[in-house]
Every structure is written in structure tokens, then in C-alpha cells.
């Protein structure tokens, strides 16, 4: 599948979507942080809804897990 095809199936970057994506792949918040080069506290804030998930990190994570 092409990158464009993968990104076309990309859901909205919500806290629930991030948690579901992470748990469905059996990953910890630290694993997610490492994959997108972010800090653990940042990923925690994304999942708790305290901070929005930037589109670039969301797309990068999605591509790394589905690409």
C-alpha cells in the first residue's frame, strides 16, 4: 500500500484513538514516545487530552505501525 493510501485511512487524532492504537499493538506509552521521538510526559498528555496530538506525530506513528 502507498503512503497516500495509508494516510487516507487515518482516523482523527483523538486521545481515545491514540490509546486504542497503542493498546491494539501491545505498546506502552514509552514505546509510542520512542516511535515519534517525543517524551513520555508528552504522550501521557496526548492520551489524557491535556494536549492535542500534532498531525505530524500522528501521521508518523500511523505510518510506522501500518506502513
N, C-alpha and C. Protein backbone atom coordinates (compact mmCIF):
# COMPACT_ATOMS: atom_id res chain seq x y z
N UNK A 1 0.85 -1.18 0.00
CA UNK A 1 0.00 0.00 0.00
C UNK A 1 0.90 1.24 0.00
N UNK A 2 0.46 2.26 -0.65
CA UNK A 2 1.22 3.50 -0.73
C UNK A 2 1.03 4.33 0.54
N UNK A 3 1.93 5.27 0.74
CA UNK A 3 1.81 6.18 1.89
C UNK A 3 0.49 6.94 1.81
N UNK A 4 0.14 7.40 0.62
CA UNK A 4 -1.12 8.13 0.45
C UNK A 4 -2.31 7.25 0.82
N UNK A 5 -2.25 5.98 0.45
CA UNK A 5 -3.33 5.05 0.78
C UNK A 5 -3.45 4.82 2.27
N UNK A 6 -2.30 4.72 2.95
CA UNK A 6 -2.32 4.54 4.40
C UNK A 6 -2.88 5.79 5.08
N UNK A 7 -2.42 6.96 4.65
CA UNK A 7 -2.87 8.20 5.28
C UNK A 7 -4.34 8.48 4.99
N UNK A 8 -4.86 7.95 3.89
CA UNK A 8 -6.27 8.15 3.58
C UNK A 8 -7.17 7.44 4.60
N UNK A 9 -6.66 6.40 5.23
CA UNK A 9 -7.43 5.64 6.22
C UNK A 9 -7.19 6.14 7.64
N UNK A 10 -6.44 7.20 7.77
CA UNK A 10 -6.05 7.74 9.07
C UNK A 10 -7.24 8.31 9.83
N UNK A 11 -7.51 7.80 11.04
CA UNK A 11 -8.60 8.39 11.84
C UNK A 11 -8.17 9.71 12.44
N UNK A 12 -9.12 10.42 13.00
CA UNK A 12 -8.82 11.69 13.68
C UNK A 12 -7.90 11.41 14.87
N UNK A 13 -6.95 12.31 15.12
CA UNK A 13 -6.02 12.11 16.25
C UNK A 13 -6.64 12.50 17.59
N UNK A 14 -7.43 11.62 18.14
CA UNK A 14 -8.07 11.87 19.44
C UNK A 14 -7.36 11.07 20.52
N UNK A 15 -7.53 11.46 21.78
CA UNK A 15 -6.94 10.66 22.85
C UNK A 15 -7.39 9.20 22.82
N UNK A 16 -8.67 8.98 22.56
CA UNK A 16 -9.18 7.61 22.51
C UNK A 16 -8.57 6.82 21.35
N UNK A 17 -8.41 7.49 20.22
CA UNK A 17 -7.81 6.83 19.05
C UNK A 17 -6.37 6.44 19.33
N UNK A 18 -5.63 7.32 20.01
CA UNK A 18 -4.24 7.02 20.35
C UNK A 18 -4.16 5.84 21.31
N UNK A 19 -4.98 5.86 22.34
CA UNK A 19 -4.99 4.77 23.31
C UNK A 19 -5.36 3.45 22.64
N UNK A 20 -6.37 3.48 21.78
CA UNK A 20 -6.79 2.26 21.08
C UNK A 20 -5.68 1.74 20.16
N UNK A 21 -5.03 2.65 19.44
CA UNK A 21 -3.94 2.26 18.55
C UNK A 21 -2.80 1.64 19.36
N UNK A 22 -2.44 2.28 20.44
CA UNK A 22 -1.35 1.80 21.28
C UNK A 22 -1.64 0.43 21.88
N UNK A 23 -2.81 0.28 22.46
CA UNK A 23 -3.14 -0.99 23.12
C UNK A 23 -3.36 -2.12 22.12
N UNK A 24 -3.88 -1.79 20.95
CA UNK A 24 -4.10 -2.84 19.94
C UNK A 24 -2.79 -3.42 19.42
N UNK A 25 -1.72 -2.66 19.56
CA UNK A 25 -0.39 -3.14 19.14
C UNK A 25 0.44 -3.60 20.34
N UNK A 26 -0.15 -3.59 21.53
CA UNK A 26 0.54 -4.06 22.72
C UNK A 26 1.72 -3.19 23.12
N UNK A 27 1.59 -1.88 22.89
CA UNK A 27 2.67 -0.95 23.17
C UNK A 27 2.41 -0.14 24.43
N UNK A 28 3.49 0.31 25.03
CA UNK A 28 3.38 1.21 26.18
C UNK A 28 3.47 2.65 25.69
N UNK A 29 3.16 3.56 26.57
CA UNK A 29 3.31 4.98 26.22
C UNK A 29 4.78 5.28 25.89
N UNK A 30 5.71 4.63 26.57
CA UNK A 30 7.13 4.84 26.28
C UNK A 30 7.47 4.39 24.87
N UNK A 31 6.90 3.25 24.45
CA UNK A 31 7.13 2.79 23.07
C UNK A 31 6.65 3.83 22.06
N UNK A 32 5.46 4.39 22.31
CA UNK A 32 4.92 5.41 21.42
C UNK A 32 5.84 6.63 21.40
N UNK A 33 6.28 7.05 22.57
CA UNK A 33 7.19 8.20 22.66
C UNK A 33 8.45 7.95 21.84
N UNK A 34 9.00 6.76 21.95
CA UNK A 34 10.22 6.43 21.20
C UNK A 34 9.96 6.42 19.70
N UNK A 35 8.81 5.91 19.28
CA UNK A 35 8.50 5.83 17.85
C UNK A 35 8.38 7.21 17.20
N UNK A 36 7.85 8.18 17.94
CA UNK A 36 7.63 9.51 17.34
C UNK A 36 8.62 10.55 17.87
N UNK A 37 9.62 10.09 18.62
CA UNK A 37 10.67 10.98 19.14
C UNK A 37 10.07 12.08 20.02
N UNK A 38 9.20 11.66 20.92
CA UNK A 38 8.57 12.58 21.88
C UNK A 38 8.87 12.08 23.28
N UNK A 39 8.58 12.90 24.26
CA UNK A 39 8.78 12.49 25.63
C UNK A 39 7.59 11.70 26.16
N UNK A 40 7.85 10.90 27.19
CA UNK A 40 6.79 10.11 27.81
C UNK A 40 5.68 11.01 28.36
N UNK A 41 6.04 12.11 29.00
CA UNK A 41 5.02 13.03 29.54
C UNK A 41 4.16 13.61 28.43
N UNK A 42 4.76 13.85 27.28
CA UNK A 42 4.00 14.38 26.14
C UNK A 42 2.96 13.38 25.69
N UNK A 43 3.36 12.12 25.54
CA UNK A 43 2.41 11.08 25.13
C UNK A 43 1.31 10.93 26.17
N UNK A 44 1.67 11.01 27.44
CA UNK A 44 0.68 10.94 28.51
C UNK A 44 -0.33 12.08 28.39
N UNK A 45 0.15 13.27 28.07
CA UNK A 45 -0.75 14.43 27.89
C UNK A 45 -1.65 14.24 26.68
N UNK A 46 -1.13 13.65 25.61
CA UNK A 46 -1.96 13.37 24.43
C UNK A 46 -3.09 12.42 24.79
N UNK A 47 -2.75 11.34 25.51
CA UNK A 47 -3.77 10.34 25.85
C UNK A 47 -4.78 10.86 26.85
N UNK A 48 -4.38 11.77 27.70
CA UNK A 48 -5.31 12.31 28.70
C UNK A 48 -6.10 13.49 28.16
N UNK A 49 -5.77 13.95 26.96
CA UNK A 49 -6.48 15.07 26.37
C UNK A 49 -6.01 16.43 26.84
N UNK A 50 -4.92 16.47 27.60
CA UNK A 50 -4.39 17.74 28.10
C UNK A 50 -3.68 18.53 27.00
N UNK A 51 -3.27 17.85 25.96
CA UNK A 51 -2.53 18.49 24.86
C UNK A 51 -2.96 17.81 23.57
N UNK A 52 -3.21 18.58 22.51
CA UNK A 52 -3.61 17.95 21.24
C UNK A 52 -2.44 17.17 20.62
N UNK A 53 -2.79 16.14 19.88
CA UNK A 53 -1.78 15.33 19.19
C UNK A 53 -1.46 16.03 17.87
N UNK A 54 -0.20 16.44 17.68
CA UNK A 54 0.15 17.11 16.43
C UNK A 54 -0.02 16.17 15.23
N UNK A 55 -0.50 16.72 14.14
CA UNK A 55 -0.75 15.91 12.94
C UNK A 55 0.50 15.18 12.48
N UNK A 56 1.65 15.83 12.52
CA UNK A 56 2.89 15.20 12.04
C UNK A 56 3.23 13.96 12.86
N UNK A 57 3.10 14.03 14.18
CA UNK A 57 3.40 12.87 15.03
C UNK A 57 2.36 11.77 14.84
N UNK A 58 1.12 12.15 14.68
CA UNK A 58 0.05 11.18 14.46
C UNK A 58 0.28 10.43 13.14
N UNK A 59 0.60 11.16 12.09
CA UNK A 59 0.87 10.52 10.80
C UNK A 59 2.11 9.64 10.87
N UNK A 60 3.17 10.10 11.52
CA UNK A 60 4.38 9.32 11.67
C UNK A 60 4.10 8.02 12.41
N UNK A 61 3.38 8.11 13.51
CA UNK A 61 3.04 6.91 14.28
C UNK A 61 2.23 5.95 13.44
N UNK A 62 1.23 6.45 12.76
CA UNK A 62 0.36 5.61 11.94
C UNK A 62 1.17 4.90 10.86
N UNK A 63 2.07 5.64 10.21
CA UNK A 63 2.90 5.04 9.16
C UNK A 63 3.85 3.99 9.72
N UNK A 64 4.42 4.25 10.87
CA UNK A 64 5.35 3.28 11.46
C UNK A 64 4.64 2.00 11.87
N UNK A 65 3.39 2.11 12.30
CA UNK A 65 2.66 0.92 12.74
C UNK A 65 1.92 0.21 11.60
N UNK A 66 1.61 0.92 10.52
CA UNK A 66 0.84 0.32 9.44
C UNK A 66 1.56 0.31 8.09
N UNK A 67 2.72 0.94 8.02
CA UNK A 67 3.42 1.07 6.76
C UNK A 67 4.35 -0.06 6.42
